Amino acid sequence: MHDNPTPPEAMTYREGAYVIDTRSGRLAQVMGTMGPRVQVRRPGGGREWEVSPQALRLATREERAAAEGCAECVSLRALQRAAVDGGEKRRAVEATVAVRRHVREVHA
């Protein structure tokens, strides 16, 4: 009789981390968790989807760099990350709006 191996603990990801949804190969950014599932969306916005943590892996440096885009994108996202990391909700919302506006106006 074979014992079922215990699955490894699922990795946890902080909000804002770049990950790859291994089911589809899509680059995503962690938005939060809902029970045992992780909520993610494409960098720069869009519809969120849920995925089990076992189906995620951290994005490589090259994958993240490709997602960063132009210098303005990098600067705006750095401000956004600083506000989120600092717990400054109002600034985080303003920075998120600025990122989305920039992506829509410049990259769409």
C-alpha atoms as a PDB file:
ATOM      1  CA  MET A   1       0.000   0.000   0.000  1.00  0.00           C
ATOM      2  CA  HIS A   2       1.349   3.417  -0.966  1.00  0.00           C
ATOM      3  CA  ASP A   3       1.058   6.381   1.314  1.00  0.00           C
ATOM      4  CA  ASN A   4      -0.078   9.570  -0.335  1.00  0.00           C
ATOM      5  CA  PRO A   5       2.725  12.079  -0.052  1.00  0.00           C
ATOM      6  CA  THR A   6       1.868  15.253   1.778  1.00  0.00           C
ATOM      7  CA  PRO A   7       1.691  18.111  -0.724  1.00  0.00           C
ATOM      8  CA  PRO A   8       4.239  20.858  -0.152  1.00  0.00           C
ATOM      9  CA  GLU A   9       2.961  23.995   1.472  1.00  0.00           C
ATOM     10  CA  ALA A  10       1.698  26.473  -1.068  1.00  0.00           C
ATOM     11  CA  MET A  11       3.874  29.514  -1.430  1.00  0.00           C
ATOM     12  CA  THR A  12       2.303  32.766  -0.349  1.00  0.00           C
ATOM     13  CA  TYR A  13       2.782  35.932  -2.373  1.00  0.00           C
ATOM     14  CA  ARG A  14       2.578  39.533  -1.234  1.00  0.00           C
ATOM     15  CA  GLU A  15       0.212  41.919  -2.947  1.00  0.00           C
ATOM     16  CA  GLY A  16       1.817  43.417  -6.028  1.00  0.00           C
ATOM     17  CA  ALA A  17       4.155  40.459  -6.675  1.00  0.00           C
ATOM     18  CA  TYR A  18       4.551  39.408 -10.294  1.00  0.00           C
ATOM     19  CA  VAL A  19       3.656  35.772 -10.838  1.00  0.00           C
ATOM     20  CA  ILE A  20       3.050  33.396 -13.722  1.00  0.00           C
ATOM     21  CA  ASP A  21      -0.209  31.458 -13.875  1.00  0.00           C
ATOM     22  CA  THR A  22       1.314  28.147 -14.927  1.00  0.00           C
ATOM     23  CA  ARG A  23      -2.004  26.914 -16.300  1.00  0.00           C
ATOM     24  CA  SER A  24      -1.973  29.513 -19.067  1.00  0.00           C
ATOM     25  CA  GLY A  25       1.538  30.970 -18.928  1.00  0.00           C
ATOM     26  CA  ARG A  26       0.090  34.450 -18.315  1.00  0.00           C
ATOM     27  CA  LEU A  27       2.005  37.065 -16.366  1.00  0.00           C
ATOM     28  CA  ALA A  28      -0.098  38.457 -13.528  1.00  0.00           C
ATOM     29  CA  GLN A  29       0.150  40.610 -10.456  1.00  0.00           C
ATOM     30  CA  VAL A  30      -1.157  39.465  -7.073  1.00  0.00           C
ATOM     31  CA  MET A  31      -4.119  41.526  -5.872  1.00  0.00           C
ATOM     32  CA  GLY A  32      -4.974  39.566  -2.725  1.00  0.00           C
ATOM     33  CA  THR A  33      -6.461  36.324  -1.524  1.00  0.00           C
ATOM     34  CA  MET A  34      -9.977  34.961  -1.256  1.00  0.00           C
ATOM     35  CA  GLY A  35      -9.967  31.983   1.064  1.00  0.00           C
ATOM     36  CA  PRO A  36      -7.440  29.478  -0.242  1.00  0.00           C
ATOM     37  CA  ARG A  37      -7.228  31.097  -3.692  1.00  0.00           C
ATOM     38  CA  VAL A  38      -5.098  33.977  -4.944  1.00  0.00           C
ATOM     39  CA  GLN A  39      -6.649  36.845  -6.887  1.00  0.00           C
ATOM     40  CA  VAL A  40      -4.488  38.067  -9.763  1.00  0.00           C
ATOM     41  CA  ARG A  41      -4.796  40.315 -12.800  1.00  0.00           C
ATOM     42  CA  ARG A  42      -2.684  41.439 -15.716  1.00  0.00           C
ATOM     43  CA  PRO A  43      -0.146  44.148 -14.826  1.00  0.00           C
ATOM     44  CA  GLY A  44      -1.642  47.570 -15.421  1.00  0.00           C
ATOM     45  CA  GLY A  45      -5.217  46.499 -14.804  1.00  0.00           C
ATOM     46  CA  GLY A  46      -7.952  44.398 -16.211  1.00  0.00           C
ATOM     47  CA  ARG A  47     -10.300  41.743 -14.952  1.00  0.00           C
ATOM     48  CA  GLU A  48      -9.108  39.714 -11.973  1.00  0.00           C
ATOM     49  CA  TRP A  49      -9.186  35.942 -11.862  1.00  0.00           C
ATOM     50  CA  GLU A  50      -8.645  33.436  -9.089  1.00  0.00           C
ATOM     51  CA  VAL A  51      -6.058  30.699  -9.075  1.00  0.00           C
ATOM     52  CA  SER A  52      -4.785  28.197  -6.549  1.00  0.00           C
ATOM     53  CA  PRO A  53      -1.360  29.082  -5.132  1.00  0.00           C
ATOM     54  CA  GLN A  54      -0.021  25.753  -6.408  1.00  0.00           C
ATOM     55  CA  ALA A  55      -0.639  26.924  -9.983  1.00  0.00           C
ATOM     56  CA  LEU A  56       1.503  30.057  -9.508  1.00  0.00           C
ATOM     57  CA  ARG A  57       5.214  30.679  -9.611  1.00  0.00           C
ATOM     58  CA  LEU A  58       7.181  33.872  -9.152  1.00  0.00           C
ATOM     59  CA  ALA A  59       7.959  35.645 -12.412  1.00  0.00           C
ATOM     60  CA  THR A  60      11.612  35.803 -13.426  1.00  0.00           C
ATOM     61  CA  ARG A  61      13.491  39.090 -13.593  1.00  0.00           C
ATOM     62  CA  GLU A  62      13.191  38.999 -17.395  1.00  0.00           C
ATOM     63  CA  GLU A  63       9.437  38.369 -17.235  1.00  0.00           C
ATOM     64  CA  ARG A  64       9.006  41.254 -14.787  1.00  0.00           C
ATOM     65  CA  ALA A  65      11.142  43.597 -16.899  1.00  0.00           C
ATOM     66  CA  ALA A  66       9.020  42.858 -19.954  1.00  0.00           C
ATOM     67  CA  ALA A  67       5.933  43.781 -17.927  1.00  0.00           C
ATOM     68  CA  GLU A  68       7.377  47.023 -16.585  1.00  0.00           C
ATOM     69  CA  GLY A  69       7.221  48.798 -19.943  1.00  0.00           C
ATOM     70  CA  CYS A  70       8.446  52.326 -20.442  1.00  0.00           C
ATOM     71  CA  ALA A  71      10.344  54.522 -17.970  1.00  0.00           C
ATOM     72  CA  GLU A  72       7.134  56.350 -17.022  1.00  0.00           C
ATOM     73  CA  CYS A  73       5.482  52.977 -16.241  1.00  0.00           C
ATOM     74  CA  VAL A  74       8.402  52.045 -14.019  1.00  0.00           C
ATOM     75  CA  SER A  75       8.262  55.366 -12.163  1.00  0.00           C
ATOM     76  CA  LEU A  76       4.494  55.294 -11.649  1.00  0.00           C
ATOM     77  CA  ARG A  77       4.526  51.680 -10.458  1.00  0.00           C
ATOM     78  CA  ALA A  78       7.345  52.449  -8.007  1.00  0.00           C
ATOM     79  CA  LEU A  79       5.202  55.218  -6.492  1.00  0.00           C
ATOM     80  CA  GLN A  80       2.273  52.812  -6.360  1.00  0.00           C
ATOM     81  CA  ARG A  81       4.335  50.110  -4.608  1.00  0.00           C
ATOM     82  CA  ALA A  82       5.718  52.605  -2.096  1.00  0.00           C
ATOM     83  CA  ALA A  83       2.224  53.794  -1.207  1.00  0.00           C
ATOM     84  CA  VAL A  84       0.895  50.241  -0.851  1.00  0.00           C
ATOM     85  CA  ASP A  85       3.916  49.111   1.177  1.00  0.00           C
ATOM     86  CA  GLY A  86       3.568  52.189   3.368  1.00  0.00           C
ATOM     87  CA  GLY A  87      -0.093  51.497   4.033  1.00  0.00           C
ATOM     88  CA  GLU A  88      -1.101  54.834   2.528  1.00  0.00           C
ATOM     89  CA  LYS A  89      -4.449  53.904   0.987  1.00  0.00           C
ATOM     90  CA  ARG A  90      -5.304  57.292  -0.499  1.00  0.00           C
ATOM     91  CA  ARG A  91      -1.906  57.631  -2.182  1.00  0.00           C
ATOM     92  CA  ALA A  92      -2.104  54.010  -3.346  1.00  0.00           C
ATOM     93  CA  VAL A  93      -5.469  54.639  -5.013  1.00  0.00           C
ATOM     94  CA  GLU A  94      -4.201  57.841  -6.643  1.00  0.00           C
ATOM     95  CA  ALA A  95      -1.088  56.029  -7.887  1.00  0.00           C
ATOM     96  CA  THR A  96      -3.156  53.144  -9.250  1.00  0.00           C
ATOM     97  CA  VAL A  97      -5.354  55.598 -11.148  1.00  0.00           C
ATOM     98  CA  ALA A  98      -2.226  57.287 -12.546  1.00  0.00           C
ATOM     99  CA  VAL A  99      -0.799  53.947 -13.709  1.00  0.00           C
ATOM    100  CA  ARG A 100      -4.041  52.955 -15.421  1.00  0.00           C
ATOM    101  CA  ARG A 101      -4.461  56.370 -17.043  1.00  0.00           C
ATOM    102  CA  HIS A 102      -0.900  56.256 -18.370  1.00  0.00           C
ATOM    103  CA  VAL A 103      -1.297  52.732 -19.771  1.00  0.00           C
ATOM    104  CA  ARG A 104      -4.612  53.636 -21.404  1.00  0.00           C
ATOM    105  CA  GLU A 105      -3.394  56.936 -22.890  1.00  0.00           C
ATOM    106  CA  VAL A 106       0.106  55.932 -23.954  1.00  0.00           C
ATOM    107  CA  HIS A 107       0.105  52.182 -24.545  1.00  0.00           C
ATOM    108  CA  ALA A 108      -3.425  51.401 -25.761  1.00  0.00           C
END
